[in-house]
PDB file of N, CA and C in Angstrom:
ATOM      1  N   MET A   1       0.649  -0.915  -0.321  1.00  0.00           N
ATOM      2  CA  MET A   1       0.243   0.133  -0.007  1.00  0.00           C
ATOM      3  C   MET A   1       1.121   1.334  -0.070  1.00  0.00           C
ATOM      4  N   PRO A   2       0.148   2.075  -0.583  1.00  0.00           N
ATOM      5  CA  PRO A   2       1.115   3.429  -0.447  1.00  0.00           C
ATOM      6  C   PRO A   2       1.540   4.093   0.692  1.00  0.00           C
ATOM      7  N   PHE A   3       2.140   4.996   0.997  1.00  0.00           N
ATOM      8  CA  PHE A   3       1.645   5.814   2.421  1.00  0.00           C
ATOM      9  C   PHE A   3       2.031   7.436   2.123  1.00  0.00           C
ATOM     10  N   GLN A   4       1.486   8.319   3.165  1.00  0.00           N
ATOM     11  CA  GLN A   4       1.398   9.308   2.741  1.00  0.00           C
ATOM     12  C   GLN A   4       2.190   9.971   4.190  1.00  0.00           C
ATOM     13  N   LYS A   5       3.372  11.364   3.567  1.00  0.00           N
ATOM     14  CA  LYS A   5       3.836  11.787   4.902  1.00  0.00           C
ATOM     15  C   LYS A   5       4.327  13.287   4.086  1.00  0.00           C
ATOM     16  N   ASN A   6       4.520  14.188   4.888  1.00  0.00           N
ATOM     17  CA  ASN A   6       4.940  15.370   3.931  1.00  0.00           C
ATOM     18  C   ASN A   6       6.502  15.040   4.199  1.00  0.00           C
ATOM     19  N   TYR A   7       7.316  15.098   2.739  1.00  0.00           N
ATOM     20  CA  TYR A   7       8.357  14.855   2.827  1.00  0.00           C
ATOM     21  C   TYR A   7       9.427  15.492   1.826  1.00  0.00           C
ATOM     22  N   ALA A   8      10.594  16.169   2.471  1.00  0.00           N
ATOM     23  CA  ALA A   8      10.940  17.341   1.302  1.00  0.00           C
ATOM     24  C   ALA A   8      12.185  16.546   0.184  1.00  0.00           C
ATOM     25  N   THR A   9      11.894  17.069  -0.379  1.00  0.00           N
ATOM     26  CA  THR A   9      12.979  15.709  -1.853  1.00  0.00           C
ATOM     27  C   THR A   9      14.421  15.963  -1.441  1.00  0.00           C
ATOM     28  N   PRO A  10      15.306  15.693  -1.054  1.00  0.00           N
ATOM     29  CA  PRO A  10      16.621  16.173  -1.438  1.00  0.00           C
ATOM     30  C   PRO A  10      17.076  16.515  -2.397  1.00  0.00           C
ATOM     31  N   ALA A  11      16.773  15.797  -3.792  1.00  0.00           N
ATOM     32  CA  ALA A  11      17.438  16.874  -4.425  1.00  0.00           C
ATOM     33  C   ALA A  11      16.600  18.202  -4.953  1.00  0.00           C
ATOM     34  N   THR A  12      15.490  18.872  -4.680  1.00  0.00           N
ATOM     35  CA  THR A  12      15.116  19.495  -5.046  1.00  0.00           C
ATOM     36  C   THR A  12      14.289  20.557  -4.054  1.00  0.00           C
ATOM     37  N   GLY A  13      13.795  19.965  -2.797  1.00  0.00           N
ATOM     38  CA  GLY A  13      13.575  20.496  -1.524  1.00  0.00           C
ATOM     39  C   GLY A  13      11.916  20.456  -2.105  1.00  0.00           C
ATOM     40  N   ALA A  14      11.470  20.334  -2.515  1.00  0.00           N
ATOM     41  CA  ALA A  14      10.278  20.468  -3.421  1.00  0.00           C
ATOM     42  C   ALA A  14       9.923  19.022  -2.266  1.00  0.00           C
ATOM     43  N   GLU A  15       8.574  19.646  -2.010  1.00  0.00           N
ATOM     44  CA  GLU A  15       7.713  18.444  -1.062  1.00  0.00           C
ATOM     45  C   GLU A  15       6.979  17.058  -1.710  1.00  0.00           C
ATOM     46  N   ALA A  16       6.887  16.431  -1.243  1.00  0.00           N
ATOM     47  CA  ALA A  16       6.172  15.522  -1.756  1.00  0.00           C
ATOM     48  C   ALA A  16       5.334  14.803  -0.262  1.00  0.00           C
ATOM     49  N   THR A  17       3.929  14.312  -0.973  1.00  0.00           N
ATOM     50  CA  THR A  17       2.890  13.741   0.102  1.00  0.00           C
ATOM     51  C   THR A  17       2.813  12.350  -0.240  1.00  0.00           C
ATOM     52  N   TYR A  18       3.298  11.780  -1.288  1.00  0.00           N
ATOM     53  CA  TYR A  18       2.808  10.429  -1.869  1.00  0.00           C
ATOM     54  C   TYR A  18       3.270   8.835  -1.872  1.00  0.00           C
ATOM     55  N   HIS A  19       3.812   7.928  -1.419  1.00  0.00           N
ATOM     56  CA  HIS A  19       4.965   7.412  -1.528  1.00  0.00           C
ATOM     57  C   HIS A  19       4.261   5.921  -1.662  1.00  0.00           C
ATOM     58  N   VAL A  20       4.908   5.531  -3.043  1.00  0.00           N
ATOM     59  CA  VAL A  20       5.008   4.243  -3.097  1.00  0.00           C
ATOM     60  C   VAL A  20       6.129   3.183  -3.312  1.00  0.00           C
ATOM     61  N   VAL A  21       6.285   1.962  -3.114  1.00  0.00           N
ATOM     62  CA  VAL A  21       7.385   1.023  -2.845  1.00  0.00           C
ATOM     63  C   VAL A  21       7.483   0.616  -4.450  1.00  0.00           C
ATOM     64  N   THR A  22       8.354   0.498  -5.424  1.00  0.00           N
ATOM     65  CA  THR A  22       8.499   0.190  -6.436  1.00  0.00           C
ATOM     66  C   THR A  22       8.997  -1.102  -6.755  1.00  0.00           C
ATOM     67  N   GLY A  23       9.672  -1.271  -5.857  1.00  0.00           N
ATOM     68  CA  GLY A  23      10.857  -2.313  -6.165  1.00  0.00           C
ATOM     69  C   GLY A  23      11.462  -2.751  -4.638  1.00  0.00           C
ATOM     70  N   ILE A  24      11.366  -4.089  -5.201  1.00  0.00           N
ATOM     71  CA  ILE A  24      12.172  -4.674  -3.292  1.00  0.00           C
ATOM     72  C   ILE A  24      13.720  -5.703  -3.765  1.00  0.00           C
ATOM     73  N   THR A  25      14.333  -5.753  -3.263  1.00  0.00           N
ATOM     74  CA  THR A  25      15.240  -6.714  -3.517  1.00  0.00           C
ATOM     75  C   THR A  25      15.493  -7.419  -2.303  1.00  0.00           C
ATOM     76  N   LEU A  26      15.659  -8.486  -1.451  1.00  0.00           N
ATOM     77  CA  LEU A  26      16.331  -9.221  -0.711  1.00  0.00           C
ATOM     78  C   LEU A  26      17.303  -9.895  -1.133  1.00  0.00           C
ATOM     79  N   ASP A  27      18.688  -9.745   0.471  1.00  0.00           N
ATOM     80  CA  ASP A  27      19.702 -10.298   0.464  1.00  0.00           C
ATOM     81  C   ASP A  27      19.745 -11.179   1.037  1.00  0.00           C
ATOM     82  N   TYR A  28      19.777 -12.382   1.476  1.00  0.00           N
ATOM     83  CA  TYR A  28      19.974 -13.421   2.026  1.00  0.00           C
ATOM     84  C   TYR A  28      21.058 -13.549   2.857  1.00  0.00           C
ATOM     85  N   VAL A  29      22.268 -13.435   2.082  1.00  0.00           N
ATOM     86  CA  VAL A  29      23.534 -13.394   2.649  1.00  0.00           C
ATOM     87  C   VAL A  29      23.322 -12.550   3.911  1.00  0.00           C
ATOM     88  N   MET A  30      23.616 -10.703   3.273  1.00  0.00           N
ATOM     89  CA  MET A  30      23.350  -9.872   4.323  1.00  0.00           C
ATOM     90  C   MET A  30      22.402  -9.916   5.688  1.00  0.00           C
ATOM     91  N   THR A  31      20.945 -10.009   5.263  1.00  0.00           N
ATOM     92  CA  THR A  31      20.066 -10.170   5.517  1.00  0.00           C
ATOM     93  C   THR A  31      19.035  -8.890   6.133  1.00  0.00           C
ATOM     94  N   ILE A  32      18.951  -8.462   4.595  1.00  0.00           N
ATOM     95  CA  ILE A  32      18.708  -7.060   3.970  1.00  0.00           C
ATOM     96  C   ILE A  32      17.928  -6.895   2.817  1.00  0.00           C
ATOM     97  N   THR A  33      16.029  -6.373   3.614  1.00  0.00           N
ATOM     98  CA  THR A  33      15.609  -5.878   2.544  1.00  0.00           C
ATOM     99  C   THR A  33      16.013  -4.621   1.964  1.00  0.00           C
ATOM    100  N   THR A  34      16.003  -4.382   0.560  1.00  0.00           N
ATOM    101  CA  THR A  34      15.861  -2.971   0.192  1.00  0.00           C
ATOM    102  C   THR A  34      14.719  -2.425  -1.237  1.00  0.00           C
ATOM    103  N   ALA A  35      14.237  -1.380  -0.601  1.00  0.00           N
ATOM    104  CA  ALA A  35      13.080  -1.080  -1.051  1.00  0.00           C
ATOM    105  C   ALA A  35      13.537   0.430  -1.979  1.00  0.00           C
ATOM    106  N   THR A  36      12.793   0.062  -3.121  1.00  0.00           N
ATOM    107  CA  THR A  36      13.089   1.064  -3.893  1.00  0.00           C
ATOM    108  C   THR A  36      11.782   2.080  -3.670  1.00  0.00           C
ATOM    109  N   VAL A  37      11.519   3.570  -3.177  1.00  0.00           N
ATOM    110  CA  VAL A  37      10.260   4.363  -3.109  1.00  0.00           C
ATOM    111  C   VAL A  37      10.408   5.315  -4.174  1.00  0.00           C
ATOM    112  N   SER A  38       9.179   5.477  -4.678  1.00  0.00           N
ATOM    113  CA  SER A  38       8.710   6.395  -5.225  1.00  0.00           C
ATOM    114  C   SER A  38       8.123   7.839  -4.779  1.00  0.00           C
ATOM    115  N   SER A  39       8.495   9.277  -4.829  1.00  0.00           N
ATOM    116  CA  SER A  39       7.958   9.909  -3.853  1.00  0.00           C
ATOM    117  C   SER A  39       7.055  11.029  -5.120  1.00  0.00           C
ATOM    118  N   TYR A  40       6.037  10.981  -5.159  1.00  0.00           N
ATOM    119  CA  TYR A  40       5.198  12.037  -5.496  1.00  0.00           C
ATOM    120  C   TYR A  40       4.560  13.460  -5.489  1.00  0.00           C
ATOM    121  N   LEU A  41       4.507  14.184  -5.756  1.00  0.00           N
ATOM    122  CA  LEU A  41       3.225  15.453  -5.470  1.00  0.00           C
ATOM    123  C   LEU A  41       2.166  15.106  -4.582  1.00  0.00           C
ATOM    124  N   SER A  42       1.489  13.917  -4.882  1.00  0.00           N
ATOM    125  CA  SER A  42      -0.075  13.538  -4.518  1.00  0.00           C
ATOM    126  C   SER A  42      -0.611  12.467  -4.764  1.00  0.00           C
ATOM    127  N   LYS A  43      -1.286  11.863  -4.483  1.00  0.00           N
ATOM    128  CA  LYS A  43      -1.949  10.611  -4.636  1.00  0.00           C
ATOM    129  C   LYS A  43      -2.318  11.128  -6.505  1.00  0.00           C
ATOM    130  N   ASP A  44      -2.931  12.430  -6.348  1.00  0.00           N
ATOM    131  CA  ASP A  44      -4.140  12.576  -7.953  1.00  0.00           C
ATOM    132  C   ASP A  44      -2.871  12.639  -8.799  1.00  0.00           C
ATOM    133  N   ALA A  45      -1.715  13.236  -8.595  1.00  0.00           N
ATOM    134  CA  ALA A  45      -0.390  13.263  -9.176  1.00  0.00           C
ATOM    135  C   ALA A  45       0.238  12.008  -9.830  1.00  0.00           C
ATOM    136  N   LYS A  46       0.138  11.009  -8.975  1.00  0.00           N
ATOM    137  CA  LYS A  46       0.681   9.520  -9.810  1.00  0.00           C
ATOM    138  C   LYS A  46      -0.564   9.011 -10.079  1.00  0.00           C
ATOM    139  N   ASP A  47      -1.909   9.096  -9.816  1.00  0.00           N
ATOM    140  CA  ASP A  47      -3.039   8.939 -10.419  1.00  0.00           C
ATOM    141  C   ASP A  47      -3.371   9.452 -11.824  1.00  0.00           C
ATOM    142  N   ALA A  48      -2.552  10.276 -11.908  1.00  0.00           N
ATOM    143  CA  ALA A  48      -2.830  10.839 -13.258  1.00  0.00           C
ATOM    144  C   ALA A  48      -1.545  10.783 -14.197  1.00  0.00           C
ATOM    145  N   GLY A  49      -0.847   9.619 -13.568  1.00  0.00           N
ATOM    146  CA  GLY A  49       0.567   9.150 -14.603  1.00  0.00           C
ATOM    147  C   GLY A  49       1.706   9.968 -14.896  1.00  0.00           C
ATOM    148  N   LYS A  50       1.648  11.317 -13.892  1.00  0.00           N
ATOM    149  CA  LYS A  50       2.690  12.032 -13.197  1.00  0.00           C
ATOM    150  C   LYS A  50       4.272  11.152 -13.186  1.00  0.00           C
ATOM    151  N   PHE A  51       5.022  11.911 -13.691  1.00  0.00           N
ATOM    152  CA  PHE A  51       6.372  11.127 -12.693  1.00  0.00           C
ATOM    153  C   PHE A  51       6.539  11.008 -11.796  1.00  0.00           C
ATOM    154  N   ALA A  52       7.376  10.506 -10.642  1.00  0.00           N
ATOM    155  CA  ALA A  52       7.868  10.899  -9.085  1.00  0.00           C
ATOM    156  C   ALA A  52       8.600  11.981  -9.337  1.00  0.00           C
ATOM    157  N   MET A  53       8.670  12.621  -8.134  1.00  0.00           N
ATOM    158  CA  MET A  53       9.505  13.865  -7.814  1.00  0.00           C
ATOM    159  C   MET A  53      10.965  13.158  -7.718  1.00  0.00           C
ATOM    160  N   TYR A  54      10.778  12.396  -6.933  1.00  0.00           N
ATOM    161  CA  TYR A  54      12.236  11.785  -6.441  1.00  0.00           C
ATOM    162  C   TYR A  54      12.436  10.175  -5.871  1.00  0.00           C
ATOM    163  N   ALA A  55      12.762   9.381  -6.299  1.00  0.00           N
ATOM    164  CA  ALA A  55      13.027   8.206  -6.065  1.00  0.00           C
ATOM    165  C   ALA A  55      14.238   7.486  -5.704  1.00  0.00           C
ATOM    166  N   GLN A  56      14.462   7.002  -4.443  1.00  0.00           N
ATOM    167  CA  GLN A  56      15.637   6.482  -3.544  1.00  0.00           C
ATOM    168  C   GLN A  56      15.182   4.791  -3.139  1.00  0.00           C
ATOM    169  N   GLN A  57      16.500   4.453  -2.418  1.00  0.00           N
ATOM    170  CA  GLN A  57      16.614   2.590  -1.900  1.00  0.00           C
ATOM    171  C   GLN A  57      16.973   3.118  -0.820  1.00  0.00           C
ATOM    172  N   ILE A  58      16.042   2.418   0.085  1.00  0.00           N
ATOM    173  CA  ILE A  58      16.371   2.302   1.287  1.00  0.00           C
ATOM    174  C   ILE A  58      16.270   1.052   1.624  1.00  0.00           C
ATOM    175  N   GLN A  59      17.154   0.803   2.490  1.00  0.00           N
ATOM    176  CA  GLN A  59      17.751  -0.669   2.781  1.00  0.00           C
ATOM    177  C   GLN A  59      16.974  -0.624   4.798  1.00  0.00           C
ATOM    178  N   VAL A  60      16.498  -1.998   4.686  1.00  0.00           N
ATOM    179  CA  VAL A  60      15.990  -2.539   6.426  1.00  0.00           C
ATOM    180  C   VAL A  60      16.532  -3.624   6.635  1.00  0.00           C
ATOM    181  N   SER A  61      16.922  -3.571   7.770  1.00  0.00           N
ATOM    182  CA  SER A  61      17.812  -4.398   8.724  1.00  0.00           C
ATOM    183  C   SER A  61      16.648  -5.786   8.806  1.00  0.00           C
ATOM    184  N   GLY A  62      16.832  -6.744   8.067  1.00  0.00           N
ATOM    185  CA  GLY A  62      16.298  -7.921   7.847  1.00  0.00           C
ATOM    186  C   GLY A  62      14.994  -8.765   6.842  1.00  0.00           C
ATOM    187  N   LEU A  63      14.738  -9.794   6.790  1.00  0.00           N
ATOM    188  CA  LEU A  63      14.015 -10.039   5.870  1.00  0.00           C
ATOM    189  C   LEU A  63      12.806 -10.687   6.003  1.00  0.00           C
ATOM    190  N   PRO A  64      11.502 -10.840   5.521  1.00  0.00           N
ATOM    191  CA  PRO A  64      10.384 -11.091   5.357  1.00  0.00           C
ATOM    192  C   PRO A  64      10.084 -12.334   6.133  1.00  0.00           C
ATOM    193  N   ASP A  65       9.536 -12.669   7.108  1.00  0.00           N
ATOM    194  CA  ASP A  65       9.153 -14.312   7.741  1.00  0.00           C
ATOM    195  C   ASP A  65       8.863 -14.646   6.432  1.00  0.00           C
ATOM    196  N   LYS A  66       9.041 -16.612   6.363  1.00  0.00           N
ATOM    197  CA  LYS A  66       8.525 -16.932   5.795  1.00  0.00           C
ATOM    198  C   LYS A  66       6.768 -16.818   5.412  1.00  0.00           C
ATOM    199  N   GLY A  67       6.132 -16.924   4.583  1.00  0.00           N
ATOM    200  CA  GLY A  67       4.841 -16.617   3.890  1.00  0.00           C
ATOM    201  C   GLY A  67       4.424 -15.060   4.245  1.00  0.00           C
ATOM    202  N   VAL A  68       5.302 -14.226   4.444  1.00  0.00           N
ATOM    203  CA  VAL A  68       4.929 -12.870   4.627  1.00  0.00           C
ATOM    204  C   VAL A  68       5.660 -12.317   3.526  1.00  0.00           C
ATOM    205  N   ASP A  69       4.118 -11.699   3.107  1.00  0.00           N
ATOM    206  CA  ASP A  69       4.855 -11.121   1.631  1.00  0.00           C
ATOM    207  C   ASP A  69       5.761 -10.013   1.776  1.00  0.00           C
ATOM    208  N   ALA A  70       7.146  -9.572   0.848  1.00  0.00           N
ATOM    209  CA  ALA A  70       8.182  -8.655   1.051  1.00  0.00           C
ATOM    210  C   ALA A  70       6.943  -7.098   0.624  1.00  0.00           C
ATOM    211  N   LEU A  71       6.475  -6.867   0.268  1.00  0.00           N
ATOM    212  CA  LEU A  71       5.892  -6.149  -0.016  1.00  0.00           C
ATOM    213  C   LEU A  71       5.151  -5.333   1.012  1.00  0.00           C
ATOM    214  N   ASP A  72       4.219  -6.420   2.013  1.00  0.00           N
ATOM    215  CA  ASP A  72       3.819  -5.791   3.220  1.00  0.00           C
ATOM    216  C   ASP A  72       5.023  -5.356   4.414  1.00  0.00           C
ATOM    217  N   PHE A  73       6.241  -6.491   4.086  1.00  0.00           N
ATOM    218  CA  PHE A  73       7.238  -6.367   4.923  1.00  0.00           C
ATOM    219  C   PHE A  73       7.905  -5.086   5.062  1.00  0.00           C
ATOM    220  N   ALA A  74       8.082  -4.179   3.458  1.00  0.00           N
ATOM    221  CA  ALA A  74       8.691  -3.512   3.325  1.00  0.00           C
ATOM    222  C   ALA A  74       8.110  -1.776   3.857  1.00  0.00           C
ATOM    223  N   GLU A  75       6.508  -1.818   3.658  1.00  0.00           N
ATOM    224  CA  GLU A  75       6.095  -0.725   3.780  1.00  0.00           C
ATOM    225  C   GLU A  75       6.072  -0.770   5.401  1.00  0.00           C
ATOM    226  N   THR A  76       5.617  -2.068   5.755  1.00  0.00           N
ATOM    227  CA  THR A  76       5.415  -1.681   7.648  1.00  0.00           C
ATOM    228  C   THR A  76       6.793  -1.087   7.898  1.00  0.00           C
ATOM    229  N   SER A  77       7.852  -1.923   7.762  1.00  0.00           N
ATOM    230  CA  SER A  77       9.003  -1.426   8.097  1.00  0.00           C
ATOM    231  C   SER A  77       9.249   0.067   7.944  1.00  0.00           C
ATOM    232  N   LEU A  78       8.883   0.835   6.384  1.00  0.00           N
ATOM    233  CA  LEU A  78       9.379   1.922   6.570  1.00  0.00           C
ATOM    234  C   LEU A  78       8.744   2.776   7.009  1.00  0.00           C
ATOM    235  N   VAL A  79       7.630   2.572   7.630  1.00  0.00           N
ATOM    236  CA  VAL A  79       7.281   4.011   7.933  1.00  0.00           C
ATOM    237  C   VAL A  79       7.074   3.126   9.774  1.00  0.00           C
ATOM    238  N   ALA A  80       7.682   2.477  10.601  1.00  0.00           N
ATOM    239  CA  ALA A  80       7.919   1.872  11.819  1.00  0.00           C
ATOM    240  C   ALA A  80       8.392   3.268  12.445  1.00  0.00           C
ATOM    241  N   ALA A  81       8.297   3.943  13.380  1.00  0.00           N
ATOM    242  CA  ALA A  81       9.184   4.484  14.172  1.00  0.00           C
ATOM    243  C   ALA A  81      10.585   4.683  14.495  1.00  0.00           C
ATOM    244  N   ALA A  82      11.582   5.099  14.310  1.00  0.00           N
ATOM    245  CA  ALA A  82      12.799   4.836  14.470  1.00  0.00           C
ATOM    246  C   ALA A  82      13.237   4.460  16.016  1.00  0.00           C
ATOM    247  N   PRO A  83      14.145   3.811  16.282  1.00  0.00           N
ATOM    248  CA  PRO A  83      13.851   3.436  17.846  1.00  0.00           C
ATOM    249  C   PRO A  83      14.719   4.752  18.681  1.00  0.00           C
ATOM    250  N   THR A  84      14.644   4.184  20.268  1.00  0.00           N
ATOM    251  CA  THR A  84      15.222   5.523  20.452  1.00  0.00           C
ATOM    252  C   THR A  84      16.419   5.112  21.664  1.00  0.00           C
ATOM    253  N   ASP A  85      16.719   3.506  21.673  1.00  0.00           N
ATOM    254  CA  ASP A  85      17.650   3.105  22.372  1.00  0.00           C
ATOM    255  C   ASP A  85      19.029   3.412  21.211  1.00  0.00           C
ATOM    256  N   GLY A  86      19.109   4.121  20.276  1.00  0.00           N
ATOM    257  CA  GLY A  86      19.985   3.757  19.638  1.00  0.00           C
ATOM    258  C   GLY A  86      20.815   2.588  18.838  1.00  0.00           C
ATOM    259  N   ASN A  87      20.035   1.833  18.806  1.00  0.00           N
ATOM    260  CA  ASN A  87      20.094   1.080  18.184  1.00  0.00           C
ATOM    261  C   ASN A  87      19.339   0.887  16.803  1.00  0.00           C
ATOM    262  N   GLY A  88      19.292   2.095  16.475  1.00  0.00           N
ATOM    263  CA  GLY A  88      18.795   1.916  14.496  1.00  0.00           C
ATOM    264  C   GLY A  88      19.866   1.451  13.326  1.00  0.00           C
ATOM    265  N   PHE A  89      19.271   0.905  12.596  1.00  0.00           N
ATOM    266  CA  PHE A  89      19.834   0.496  11.745  1.00  0.00           C
ATOM    267  C   PHE A  89      20.558   2.034  10.774  1.00  0.00           C
ATOM    268  N   ALA A  90      21.831   2.204  10.478  1.00  0.00           N
ATOM    269  CA  ALA A  90      22.802   2.997  10.163  1.00  0.00           C
ATOM    270  C   ALA A  90      22.442   3.524   8.951  1.00  0.00           C
ATOM    271  N   SER A  91      21.849   3.203   7.997  1.00  0.00           N
ATOM    272  CA  SER A  91      21.534   3.790   6.565  1.00  0.00           C
ATOM    273  C   SER A  91      20.514   5.186   6.963  1.00  0.00           C
ATOM    274  N   LEU A  92      21.403   6.597   6.437  1.00  0.00           N
ATOM    275  CA  LEU A  92      21.195   7.547   6.277  1.00  0.00           C
ATOM    276  C   LEU A  92      19.522   7.771   6.379  1.00  0.00           C
ATOM    277  N   ASN A  93      18.903   7.111   5.157  1.00  0.00           N
ATOM    278  CA  ASN A  93      18.214   7.690   5.088  1.00  0.00           C
ATOM    279  C   ASN A  93      16.664   6.603   5.155  1.00  0.00           C
ATOM    280  N   ARG A  94      17.432   5.521   6.461  1.00  0.00           N
ATOM    281  CA  ARG A  94      15.950   4.433   6.558  1.00  0.00           C
ATOM    282  C   ARG A  94      15.002   4.909   7.492  1.00  0.00           C
ATOM    283  N   TYR A  95      14.908   5.992   7.715  1.00  0.00           N
ATOM    284  CA  TYR A  95      13.529   6.538   8.981  1.00  0.00           C
ATOM    285  C   TYR A  95      13.034   7.150   8.398  1.00  0.00           C
ATOM    286  N   ALA A  96      13.588   7.848   6.657  1.00  0.00           N
ATOM    287  CA  ALA A  96      13.043   8.712   6.150  1.00  0.00           C
ATOM    288  C   ALA A  96      11.189   9.146   6.197  1.00  0.00           C
ATOM    289  N   PHE A  97      10.397   8.086   6.105  1.00  0.00           N
ATOM    290  CA  PHE A  97       9.123   7.702   6.052  1.00  0.00           C
ATOM    291  C   PHE A  97       8.670   7.248   7.526  1.00  0.00           C
ATOM    292  N   ALA A  98       9.373   7.139   8.587  1.00  0.00           N
ATOM    293  CA  ALA A  98       8.694   6.912   9.991  1.00  0.00           C
ATOM    294  C   ALA A  98       7.831   7.377  10.513  1.00  0.00           C
ATOM    295  N   GLY A  99       6.798   6.983  10.607  1.00  0.00           N
ATOM    296  CA  GLY A  99       5.614   7.507  10.965  1.00  0.00           C
ATOM    297  C   GLY A  99       4.245   8.275   9.605  1.00  0.00           C
ATOM    298  N   ALA A 100       5.320   7.964   8.533  1.00  0.00           N
ATOM    299  CA  ALA A 100       3.485   7.736   7.777  1.00  0.00           C
ATOM    300  C   ALA A 100       2.834   6.916   8.089  1.00  0.00           C
ATOM    301  N   GLU A 101       1.727   6.890   7.000  1.00  0.00           N
ATOM    302  CA  GLU A 101       0.682   6.799   7.554  1.00  0.00           C
ATOM    303  C   GLU A 101       0.080   5.830   6.292  1.00  0.00           C
ATOM    304  N   ILE A 102       0.327   4.622   6.096  1.00  0.00           N
ATOM    305  CA  ILE A 102      -0.341   3.452   5.187  1.00  0.00           C
ATOM    306  C   ILE A 102      -2.041   3.942   4.312  1.00  0.00           C
ATOM    307  N   VAL A 103      -2.044   4.123   3.741  1.00  0.00           N
ATOM    308  CA  VAL A 103      -3.505   4.332   2.607  1.00  0.00           C
ATOM    309  C   VAL A 103      -3.846   3.553   1.847  1.00  0.00           C
ATOM    310  N   GLU A 104      -4.890   3.518   1.182  1.00  0.00           N
ATOM    311  CA  GLU A 104      -5.220   2.743  -0.178  1.00  0.00           C
ATOM    312  C   GLU A 104      -5.165   3.011  -1.253  1.00  0.00           C
TER     313      GLU A 104
END
């Protein structure tokens, strides 16, 4: 499912509000899931066939459990809150969408 959050795109600073996971890679050796996220001005812009304003790859520590859809795992992980105990994943953009709302 797409998710919504106001996000200033790094390339231009323009604000995107609608984000879609467009690809997923699972690394079984490093136990990392990499999600490609495309960010749009709005849902209406995406639905109208407009290009994404920004796209980025975000690495998430871990892999989906057996029987869990990789897309569901990636989306849920991307919107999860950042840990407050200092044990967060080191990727710079890992928590870019923390707190976002998953939408239909």
